[in-house]
Amino acid sequence: MKLSISMFLLVSALLAGCASAGPPATSEELAEADAALRNAEAAGAAEEAPELLEEARVALAAARRASGEEARQRLLEARDYAAAAAAQAKAERLKRDAARLRREADDLERRAEEIRDQAGRPPSR
């Protein structure tokens, strides 16, 4: 009797654990997270946001090992980290572009001033 009660409890616990895990993440969900990671890499996150990109990779790997709700949670984390990495990479690129454009604008202003000085005209400001 004692053995059958123990066996019943063990089987019940196993079944409860399987039921609460839920179905595995779908291939679409995995593909979305993979795509977000590829987009981050294409945006230059490996150079500009390596920590965030690594977090995305770790979360995606954890999602592949997990099941049910945990897998979905890890997939969301992977997508969020990948999106943050892509955004940071884009922001860094835009900052560099803005600095370059500022330097170019300053150079053009200096040239215009030199031309005005050579022509003997007053500045237009």
N, C-alpha and C. Protein backbone atom coordinates (compact mmCIF):
# COMPACT_ATOMS: atom_id res chain seq x y z
N MET A 1 0.83 -1.19 0.00
CA MET A 1 0.00 0.00 0.00
C MET A 1 0.87 1.25 0.00
N LYS A 2 1.90 1.21 0.85
CA LYS A 2 2.79 2.36 0.96
C LYS A 2 3.47 2.64 -0.38
N LEU A 3 3.86 1.58 -1.09
CA LEU A 3 4.51 1.72 -2.38
C LEU A 3 3.55 2.29 -3.41
N SER A 4 2.30 1.86 -3.41
CA SER A 4 1.34 2.36 -4.40
C SER A 4 1.02 3.84 -4.17
N ILE A 5 0.98 4.27 -2.92
CA ILE A 5 0.74 5.69 -2.62
C ILE A 5 1.93 6.52 -3.09
N SER A 6 3.13 6.02 -2.82
CA SER A 6 4.34 6.72 -3.27
C SER A 6 4.39 6.80 -4.78
N MET A 7 4.06 5.70 -5.43
CA MET A 7 4.06 5.67 -6.89
C MET A 7 3.00 6.62 -7.43
N PHE A 8 1.83 6.66 -6.82
CA PHE A 8 0.78 7.57 -7.24
C PHE A 8 1.23 9.02 -7.12
N LEU A 9 1.86 9.37 -6.01
CA LEU A 9 2.34 10.74 -5.80
C LEU A 9 3.42 11.10 -6.80
N LEU A 10 4.30 10.17 -7.09
CA LEU A 10 5.38 10.43 -8.05
C LEU A 10 4.81 10.67 -9.45
N VAL A 11 3.90 9.82 -9.86
CA VAL A 11 3.28 9.97 -11.18
C VAL A 11 2.48 11.26 -11.25
N SER A 12 1.76 11.58 -10.18
CA SER A 12 0.98 12.82 -10.15
C SER A 12 1.88 14.03 -10.26
N ALA A 13 3.00 14.01 -9.56
CA ALA A 13 3.94 15.13 -9.61
C ALA A 13 4.52 15.29 -11.01
N LEU A 14 4.88 14.18 -11.63
CA LEU A 14 5.42 14.23 -12.98
C LEU A 14 4.39 14.77 -13.97
N LEU A 15 3.18 14.30 -13.86
CA LEU A 15 2.13 14.78 -14.76
C LEU A 15 1.83 16.25 -14.52
N ALA A 16 1.82 16.67 -13.29
CA ALA A 16 1.57 18.09 -12.99
C ALA A 16 2.70 18.94 -13.56
N GLY A 17 3.93 18.46 -13.45
CA GLY A 17 5.06 19.20 -13.99
C GLY A 17 4.97 19.33 -15.50
N CYS A 18 4.61 18.27 -16.16
CA CYS A 18 4.47 18.30 -17.62
C CYS A 18 3.33 19.21 -18.04
N ALA A 19 2.25 19.19 -17.31
CA ALA A 19 1.09 20.01 -17.67
C ALA A 19 1.38 21.49 -17.48
N SER A 20 2.16 21.83 -16.47
CA SER A 20 2.41 23.25 -16.23
C SER A 20 3.47 23.82 -17.16
N ALA A 21 4.29 22.97 -17.76
CA ALA A 21 5.34 23.45 -18.65
C ALA A 21 4.75 24.02 -19.93
N GLY A 22 3.67 23.48 -20.37
CA GLY A 22 3.02 23.97 -21.58
C GLY A 22 3.71 23.46 -22.82
N PRO A 23 3.14 23.78 -23.97
CA PRO A 23 3.72 23.31 -25.23
C PRO A 23 5.03 24.05 -25.52
N PRO A 24 5.87 23.45 -26.32
CA PRO A 24 7.13 24.12 -26.66
C PRO A 24 6.86 25.37 -27.50
N ALA A 25 7.85 26.23 -27.55
CA ALA A 25 7.73 27.44 -28.36
C ALA A 25 7.58 27.02 -29.83
N THR A 26 6.81 27.78 -30.57
CA THR A 26 6.59 27.44 -31.97
C THR A 26 7.79 27.83 -32.81
N SER A 27 7.87 27.24 -33.99
CA SER A 27 8.97 27.58 -34.89
C SER A 27 8.87 29.04 -35.33
N GLU A 28 7.66 29.58 -35.39
CA GLU A 28 7.49 31.00 -35.73
C GLU A 28 8.10 31.90 -34.67
N GLU A 29 7.87 31.54 -33.40
CA GLU A 29 8.42 32.33 -32.30
C GLU A 29 9.95 32.29 -32.31
N LEU A 30 10.50 31.12 -32.56
CA LEU A 30 11.95 31.00 -32.66
C LEU A 30 12.49 31.78 -33.85
N ALA A 31 11.77 31.72 -34.97
CA ALA A 31 12.21 32.44 -36.17
C ALA A 31 12.20 33.95 -35.94
N GLU A 32 11.21 34.45 -35.20
CA GLU A 32 11.15 35.89 -34.90
C GLU A 32 12.35 36.32 -34.06
N ALA A 33 12.69 35.52 -33.07
CA ALA A 33 13.85 35.84 -32.23
C ALA A 33 15.14 35.75 -33.03
N ASP A 34 15.25 34.74 -33.89
CA ASP A 34 16.42 34.62 -34.76
C ASP A 34 16.55 35.83 -35.67
N ALA A 35 15.43 36.25 -36.24
CA ALA A 35 15.43 37.41 -37.14
C ALA A 35 15.85 38.68 -36.39
N ALA A 36 15.38 38.85 -35.17
CA ALA A 36 15.76 40.02 -34.38
C ALA A 36 17.26 40.01 -34.11
N LEU A 37 17.80 38.85 -33.84
CA LEU A 37 19.24 38.72 -33.60
C LEU A 37 20.02 39.05 -34.88
N ARG A 38 19.59 38.54 -36.00
CA ARG A 38 20.26 38.84 -37.28
C ARG A 38 20.18 40.32 -37.60
N ASN A 39 19.04 40.94 -37.34
CA ASN A 39 18.89 42.38 -37.58
C ASN A 39 19.86 43.18 -36.71
N ALA A 40 20.02 42.77 -35.47
CA ALA A 40 20.96 43.45 -34.57
C ALA A 40 22.39 43.30 -35.09
N GLU A 41 22.72 42.11 -35.53
CA GLU A 41 24.06 41.89 -36.08
C GLU A 41 24.28 42.74 -37.34
N ALA A 42 23.28 42.79 -38.20
CA ALA A 42 23.38 43.59 -39.42
C ALA A 42 23.50 45.08 -39.12
N ALA A 43 22.93 45.51 -38.00
CA ALA A 43 22.98 46.92 -37.62
C ALA A 43 24.33 47.30 -37.01
N GLY A 44 25.20 46.30 -36.80
CA GLY A 44 26.51 46.59 -36.24
C GLY A 44 26.59 46.42 -34.74
N ALA A 45 25.67 45.67 -34.17
CA ALA A 45 25.64 45.51 -32.72
C ALA A 45 26.87 44.78 -32.18
N ALA A 46 27.50 43.96 -33.00
CA ALA A 46 28.70 43.26 -32.52
C ALA A 46 29.79 44.24 -32.12
N GLU A 47 29.85 45.36 -32.82
CA GLU A 47 30.86 46.37 -32.52
C GLU A 47 30.34 47.42 -31.55
N GLU A 48 29.09 47.80 -31.70
CA GLU A 48 28.53 48.94 -30.94
C GLU A 48 27.82 48.55 -29.65
N ALA A 49 27.30 47.34 -29.58
CA ALA A 49 26.54 46.90 -28.39
C ALA A 49 26.79 45.43 -28.12
N PRO A 50 28.06 45.04 -27.95
CA PRO A 50 28.35 43.61 -27.81
C PRO A 50 27.72 42.96 -26.58
N GLU A 51 27.58 43.72 -25.49
CA GLU A 51 26.99 43.13 -24.28
C GLU A 51 25.52 42.79 -24.49
N LEU A 52 24.80 43.71 -25.12
CA LEU A 52 23.37 43.47 -25.38
C LEU A 52 23.19 42.33 -26.38
N LEU A 53 24.05 42.28 -27.38
CA LEU A 53 23.97 41.21 -28.37
C LEU A 53 24.24 39.86 -27.71
N GLU A 54 25.20 39.82 -26.81
CA GLU A 54 25.50 38.57 -26.11
C GLU A 54 24.32 38.16 -25.23
N GLU A 55 23.69 39.12 -24.56
CA GLU A 55 22.50 38.80 -23.74
C GLU A 55 21.40 38.20 -24.62
N ALA A 56 21.24 38.74 -25.82
CA ALA A 56 20.23 38.21 -26.74
C ALA A 56 20.57 36.77 -27.13
N ARG A 57 21.84 36.52 -27.40
CA ARG A 57 22.25 35.16 -27.77
C ARG A 57 22.04 34.18 -26.62
N VAL A 58 22.39 34.61 -25.41
CA VAL A 58 22.22 33.75 -24.24
C VAL A 58 20.74 33.44 -24.01
N ALA A 59 19.89 34.46 -24.12
CA ALA A 59 18.45 34.25 -23.92
C ALA A 59 17.87 33.34 -25.00
N LEU A 60 18.34 33.48 -26.24
CA LEU A 60 17.85 32.62 -27.31
C LEU A 60 18.29 31.17 -27.07
N ALA A 61 19.52 30.97 -26.65
CA ALA A 61 19.99 29.62 -26.35
C ALA A 61 19.18 29.02 -25.20
N ALA A 62 18.88 29.82 -24.18
CA ALA A 62 18.08 29.34 -23.06
C ALA A 62 16.67 28.98 -23.53
N ALA A 63 16.13 29.77 -24.44
CA ALA A 63 14.78 29.49 -24.97
C ALA A 63 14.75 28.16 -25.71
N ARG A 64 15.81 27.88 -26.43
CA ARG A 64 15.87 26.62 -27.18
C ARG A 64 15.92 25.41 -26.24
N ARG A 65 16.50 25.61 -25.05
CA ARG A 65 16.59 24.50 -24.08
C ARG A 65 15.33 24.38 -23.24
N ALA A 66 14.57 25.44 -23.11
CA ALA A 66 13.40 25.46 -22.24
C ALA A 66 12.15 25.01 -23.00
N SER A 67 11.05 24.99 -22.27
CA SER A 67 9.77 24.67 -22.91
C SER A 67 8.68 25.52 -22.29
N GLY A 68 7.58 25.56 -22.96
CA GLY A 68 6.41 26.24 -22.43
C GLY A 68 6.62 27.72 -22.18
N GLU A 69 6.09 28.17 -21.07
CA GLU A 69 6.11 29.59 -20.74
C GLU A 69 7.53 30.10 -20.55
N GLU A 70 8.40 29.28 -19.98
CA GLU A 70 9.79 29.70 -19.80
C GLU A 70 10.46 29.97 -21.15
N ALA A 71 10.20 29.10 -22.12
CA ALA A 71 10.77 29.29 -23.46
C ALA A 71 10.25 30.59 -24.07
N ARG A 72 8.96 30.83 -23.92
CA ARG A 72 8.38 32.07 -24.48
C ARG A 72 8.97 33.31 -23.79
N GLN A 73 9.15 33.23 -22.48
CA GLN A 73 9.75 34.35 -21.75
C GLN A 73 11.17 34.61 -22.24
N ARG A 74 11.94 33.56 -22.43
CA ARG A 74 13.33 33.70 -22.91
C ARG A 74 13.34 34.24 -24.34
N LEU A 75 12.38 33.84 -25.15
CA LEU A 75 12.30 34.36 -26.52
C LEU A 75 12.01 35.86 -26.50
N LEU A 76 11.10 36.27 -25.61
CA LEU A 76 10.82 37.70 -25.48
C LEU A 76 12.06 38.46 -25.04
N GLU A 77 12.79 37.89 -24.09
CA GLU A 77 14.03 38.53 -23.64
C GLU A 77 15.02 38.64 -24.80
N ALA A 78 15.16 37.56 -25.57
CA ALA A 78 16.10 37.56 -26.70
C ALA A 78 15.72 38.64 -27.70
N ARG A 79 14.42 38.74 -28.01
CA ARG A 79 13.98 39.77 -28.96
C ARG A 79 14.21 41.16 -28.41
N ASP A 80 13.92 41.36 -27.12
CA ASP A 80 14.12 42.68 -26.51
C ASP A 80 15.59 43.07 -26.47
N TYR A 81 16.45 42.14 -26.07
CA TYR A 81 17.89 42.44 -26.06
C TYR A 81 18.40 42.72 -27.47
N ALA A 82 17.94 41.94 -28.43
CA ALA A 82 18.37 42.15 -29.81
C ALA A 82 17.90 43.51 -30.33
N ALA A 83 16.68 43.87 -30.01
CA ALA A 83 16.16 45.18 -30.43
C ALA A 83 16.95 46.31 -29.77
N ALA A 84 17.28 46.14 -28.49
CA ALA A 84 18.07 47.16 -27.79
C ALA A 84 19.46 47.26 -28.40
N ALA A 85 20.06 46.13 -28.74
CA ALA A 85 21.39 46.13 -29.36
C ALA A 85 21.35 46.83 -30.71
N ALA A 86 20.32 46.55 -31.50
CA ALA A 86 20.19 47.20 -32.81
C ALA A 86 19.98 48.70 -32.64
N ALA A 87 19.17 49.09 -31.68
CA ALA A 87 18.91 50.52 -31.45
C ALA A 87 20.18 51.23 -30.99
N GLN A 88 20.94 50.59 -30.10
CA GLN A 88 22.18 51.21 -29.63
C GLN A 88 23.18 51.33 -30.77
N ALA A 89 23.27 50.31 -31.61
CA ALA A 89 24.19 50.37 -32.75
C ALA A 89 23.79 51.50 -33.69
N LYS A 90 22.49 51.62 -33.95
CA LYS A 90 22.02 52.70 -34.82
C LYS A 90 22.30 54.07 -34.20
N ALA A 91 22.07 54.20 -32.90
CA ALA A 91 22.33 55.47 -32.23
C ALA A 91 23.80 55.85 -32.31
N GLU A 92 24.68 54.89 -32.11
CA GLU A 92 26.12 55.18 -32.20
C GLU A 92 26.50 55.59 -33.62
N ARG A 93 25.95 54.91 -34.60
CA ARG A 93 26.23 55.26 -36.01
C ARG A 93 25.72 56.66 -36.32
N LEU A 94 24.52 56.99 -35.83
CA LEU A 94 23.97 58.32 -36.07
C LEU A 94 24.78 59.41 -35.36
N LYS A 95 25.29 59.11 -34.18
CA LYS A 95 26.15 60.07 -33.47
C LYS A 95 27.41 60.35 -34.28
N ARG A 96 28.01 59.29 -34.81
CA ARG A 96 29.21 59.47 -35.64
C ARG A 96 28.89 60.29 -36.89
N ASP A 97 27.76 59.96 -37.52
CA ASP A 97 27.34 60.70 -38.72
C ASP A 97 27.10 62.17 -38.38
N ALA A 98 26.45 62.42 -37.25
CA ALA A 98 26.17 63.80 -36.85
C ALA A 98 27.47 64.57 -36.58
N ALA A 99 28.43 63.92 -35.94
CA ALA A 99 29.71 64.57 -35.67
C ALA A 99 30.44 64.88 -36.98
N ARG A 100 30.40 63.93 -37.91
CA ARG A 100 31.02 64.14 -39.22
C ARG A 100 30.35 65.29 -39.96
N LEU A 101 29.04 65.32 -39.95
CA LEU A 101 28.30 66.40 -40.62
C LEU A 101 28.57 67.75 -39.95
N ARG A 102 28.70 67.75 -38.63
CA ARG A 102 29.02 68.99 -37.93
C ARG A 102 30.39 69.52 -38.36
N ARG A 103 31.36 68.60 -38.45
CA ARG A 103 32.70 69.01 -38.91
C ARG A 103 32.64 69.54 -40.33
N GLU A 104 31.90 68.87 -41.20
CA GLU A 104 31.77 69.33 -42.59
C GLU A 104 31.11 70.70 -42.64
N ALA A 105 30.06 70.90 -41.84
CA ALA A 105 29.38 72.20 -41.82
C ALA A 105 30.32 73.29 -41.31
N ASP A 106 31.11 72.98 -40.29
CA ASP A 106 32.08 73.95 -39.78
C ASP A 106 33.11 74.30 -40.84
N ASP A 107 33.59 73.30 -41.57
CA ASP A 107 34.55 73.55 -42.66
C ASP A 107 33.94 74.44 -43.74
N LEU A 108 32.69 74.16 -44.10
CA LEU A 108 32.02 74.98 -45.12
C LEU A 108 31.83 76.41 -44.64
N GLU A 109 31.49 76.58 -43.38
CA GLU A 109 31.34 77.93 -42.84
C GLU A 109 32.67 78.68 -42.88
N ARG A 110 33.77 77.98 -42.54
CA ARG A 110 35.09 78.62 -42.60
C ARG A 110 35.44 79.01 -44.04
N ARG A 111 35.16 78.12 -44.98
CA ARG A 111 35.44 78.43 -46.39
C ARG A 111 34.63 79.64 -46.85
N ALA A 112 33.36 79.66 -46.49
CA ALA A 112 32.51 80.79 -46.88
C ALA A 112 33.05 82.09 -46.29
N GLU A 113 33.49 82.03 -45.06
CA GLU A 113 34.06 83.22 -44.41
C GLU A 113 35.34 83.66 -45.13
N GLU A 114 36.18 82.72 -45.50
CA GLU A 114 37.41 83.05 -46.23
C GLU A 114 37.09 83.70 -47.58
N ILE A 115 36.11 83.15 -48.27
CA ILE A 115 35.73 83.71 -49.57
C ILE A 115 35.18 85.11 -49.40
N ARG A 116 34.36 85.34 -48.39
CA ARG A 116 33.83 86.69 -48.13
C ARG A 116 34.97 87.66 -47.82
N ASP A 117 35.93 87.20 -47.00
CA ASP A 117 37.07 88.04 -46.66
C ASP A 117 37.89 88.40 -47.90
N GLN A 118 38.10 87.43 -48.77
CA GLN A 118 38.87 87.67 -49.99
C GLN A 118 38.12 88.61 -50.94
N ALA A 119 36.83 88.50 -50.94
CA ALA A 119 36.03 89.35 -51.84
C ALA A 119 35.82 90.73 -51.25
N GLY A 120 36.17 90.92 -49.99
CA GLY A 120 36.00 92.21 -49.35
C GLY A 120 34.57 92.53 -48.98
N ARG A 121 33.74 91.51 -48.89
CA ARG A 121 32.34 91.73 -48.53
C ARG A 121 32.15 91.48 -47.04
N PRO A 122 31.19 92.18 -46.47
CA PRO A 122 30.88 91.91 -45.07
C PRO A 122 30.13 90.57 -44.94
N PRO A 123 30.26 89.93 -43.80
CA PRO A 123 29.51 88.67 -43.58
C PRO A 123 28.00 88.93 -43.68
N SER A 124 27.29 87.92 -44.09
CA SER A 124 25.85 88.07 -44.30
C SER A 124 25.04 87.87 -43.02
N ARG A 125 25.65 87.72 -41.91
CA ARG A 125 24.93 87.49 -40.64
C ARG A 125 24.37 88.72 -40.05
